[in-house]
Amino acid sequence: MRDRNQWAIAALLAALLVGASWFCVSVWRSTPMPLYGNVILTGAVILILILGCGLIALMFYSHRKGYDEPARSNRTQRE
């Protein structure tokens, strides 16, 4: 039963991705933009993807090295 639910969710998410991509491309093509606008927009998308991937990689690196753990102390508590 679990595998069937996972396939259904994956199919739903894939359909949403295709629909969102189709909508974005149709809006992009319907608005007239000069060539330099497309070049700037493409460069911005690439930079955002690089930045996002880098931040996710830093998050995984930080978690793996233990930097996300709460601070600990060897001192005894005052009473």
C-alpha atoms as a PDB file:
ATOM      1  CA  MET A   1       0.000   0.000   0.000  1.00  0.00           C
ATOM      2  CA  ARG A   2       2.843   2.387   0.823  1.00  0.00           C
ATOM      3  CA  ASP A   3       4.506   1.980  -2.588  1.00  0.00           C
ATOM      4  CA  ARG A   4       1.228   2.718  -4.315  1.00  0.00           C
ATOM      5  CA  ASN A   5       0.784   5.945  -2.341  1.00  0.00           C
ATOM      6  CA  GLN A   6       4.337   7.016  -3.122  1.00  0.00           C
ATOM      7  CA  TRP A   7       3.773   6.455  -6.837  1.00  0.00           C
ATOM      8  CA  ALA A   8       0.534   8.443  -6.692  1.00  0.00           C
ATOM      9  CA  ILE A   9       2.232  11.359  -4.933  1.00  0.00           C
ATOM     10  CA  ALA A  10       5.166  11.243  -7.361  1.00  0.00           C
ATOM     11  CA  ALA A  11       2.768  11.263 -10.335  1.00  0.00           C
ATOM     12  CA  LEU A  12       0.840  14.201  -8.852  1.00  0.00           C
ATOM     13  CA  LEU A  13       4.019  16.179  -8.232  1.00  0.00           C
ATOM     14  CA  ALA A  14       5.292  15.424 -11.755  1.00  0.00           C
ATOM     15  CA  ALA A  15       1.972  16.619 -13.214  1.00  0.00           C
ATOM     16  CA  LEU A  16       2.190  19.828 -11.177  1.00  0.00           C
ATOM     17  CA  LEU A  17       5.764  20.391 -12.368  1.00  0.00           C
ATOM     18  CA  VAL A  18       4.760  19.925 -16.003  1.00  0.00           C
ATOM     19  CA  GLY A  19       1.776  22.262 -15.588  1.00  0.00           C
ATOM     20  CA  ALA A  20       3.825  24.956 -13.871  1.00  0.00           C
ATOM     21  CA  SER A  21       6.566  24.698 -16.494  1.00  0.00           C
ATOM     22  CA  TRP A  22       4.022  24.970 -19.323  1.00  0.00           C
ATOM     23  CA  PHE A  23       2.444  28.034 -17.700  1.00  0.00           C
ATOM     24  CA  CYS A  24       5.818  29.746 -17.178  1.00  0.00           C
ATOM     25  CA  VAL A  25       6.919  29.125 -20.764  1.00  0.00           C
ATOM     26  CA  SER A  26       3.588  30.323 -22.177  1.00  0.00           C
ATOM     27  CA  VAL A  27       3.720  33.564 -20.158  1.00  0.00           C
ATOM     28  CA  TRP A  28       7.381  34.104 -21.067  1.00  0.00           C
ATOM     29  CA  ARG A  29       6.655  33.721 -24.781  1.00  0.00           C
ATOM     30  CA  SER A  30       3.539  35.910 -24.725  1.00  0.00           C
ATOM     31  CA  THR A  31       5.351  38.962 -23.367  1.00  0.00           C
ATOM     32  CA  PRO A  32       7.710  40.665 -25.797  1.00  0.00           C
ATOM     33  CA  MET A  33      11.180  41.078 -24.361  1.00  0.00           C
ATOM     34  CA  PRO A  34      14.386  42.099 -26.126  1.00  0.00           C
ATOM     35  CA  LEU A  35      17.283  39.670 -26.400  1.00  0.00           C
ATOM     36  CA  TYR A  36      19.303  41.327 -23.639  1.00  0.00           C
ATOM     37  CA  GLY A  37      16.341  40.878 -21.275  1.00  0.00           C
ATOM     38  CA  ASN A  38      16.295  37.147 -21.939  1.00  0.00           C
ATOM     39  CA  VAL A  39      20.062  36.953 -21.422  1.00  0.00           C
ATOM     40  CA  ILE A  40      19.831  38.818 -18.107  1.00  0.00           C
ATOM     41  CA  LEU A  41      16.896  36.699 -16.950  1.00  0.00           C
ATOM     42  CA  THR A  42      18.708  33.482 -17.864  1.00  0.00           C
ATOM     43  CA  GLY A  43      21.847  34.626 -16.037  1.00  0.00           C
ATOM     44  CA  ALA A  44      19.800  35.498 -12.949  1.00  0.00           C
ATOM     45  CA  VAL A  45      18.136  32.075 -12.951  1.00  0.00           C
ATOM     46  CA  ILE A  46      21.507  30.334 -13.231  1.00  0.00           C
ATOM     47  CA  LEU A  47      22.971  32.408 -10.385  1.00  0.00           C
ATOM     48  CA  ILE A  48      19.950  31.717  -8.169  1.00  0.00           C
ATOM     49  CA  LEU A  49      20.242  27.977  -8.833  1.00  0.00           C
ATOM     50  CA  ILE A  50      23.960  28.036  -7.985  1.00  0.00           C
ATOM     51  CA  LEU A  51      23.291  30.013  -4.807  1.00  0.00           C
ATOM     52  CA  GLY A  52      20.474  27.692  -3.740  1.00  0.00           C
ATOM     53  CA  CYS A  53      22.514  24.551  -4.376  1.00  0.00           C
ATOM     54  CA  GLY A  54      25.461  26.037  -2.490  1.00  0.00           C
ATOM     55  CA  LEU A  55      23.332  26.898   0.524  1.00  0.00           C
ATOM     56  CA  ILE A  56      21.798  23.420   0.599  1.00  0.00           C
ATOM     57  CA  ALA A  57      25.293  21.897   0.368  1.00  0.00           C
ATOM     58  CA  LEU A  58      26.433  24.063   3.291  1.00  0.00           C
ATOM     59  CA  MET A  59      23.414  22.957   5.291  1.00  0.00           C
ATOM     60  CA  PHE A  60      24.228  19.269   4.732  1.00  0.00           C
ATOM     61  CA  TYR A  61      27.936  19.886   5.476  1.00  0.00           C
ATOM     62  CA  SER A  62      27.086  21.720   8.697  1.00  0.00           C
ATOM     63  CA  HIS A  63      24.742  18.975   9.831  1.00  0.00           C
ATOM     64  CA  ARG A  64      27.219  16.217   9.050  1.00  0.00           C
ATOM     65  CA  LYS A  65      30.089  17.932  10.917  1.00  0.00           C
ATOM     66  CA  GLY A  66      27.919  18.492  13.987  1.00  0.00           C
ATOM     67  CA  TYR A  67      27.810  22.276  13.877  1.00  0.00           C
ATOM     68  CA  ASP A  68      24.028  22.199  14.350  1.00  0.00           C
ATOM     69  CA  GLU A  69      24.174  20.476  17.712  1.00  0.00           C
ATOM     70  CA  PRO A  70      23.267  22.467  20.817  1.00  0.00           C
ATOM     71  CA  ALA A  71      26.143  23.835  22.875  1.00  0.00           C
ATOM     72  CA  ARG A  72      27.336  21.621  25.740  1.00  0.00           C
ATOM     73  CA  SER A  73      29.311  22.448  28.809  1.00  0.00           C
ATOM     74  CA  ASN A  74      31.240  20.391  31.354  1.00  0.00           C
ATOM     75  CA  ARG A  75      30.461  22.864  34.120  1.00  0.00           C
ATOM     76  CA  THR A  76      28.071  21.916  36.896  1.00  0.00           C
ATOM     77  CA  GLN A  77      24.924  23.925  37.401  1.00  0.00           C
ATOM     78  CA  ARG A  78      24.820  26.504  40.184  1.00  0.00           C
ATOM     79  CA  GLU A  79      22.296  25.839  42.862  1.00  0.00           C
END
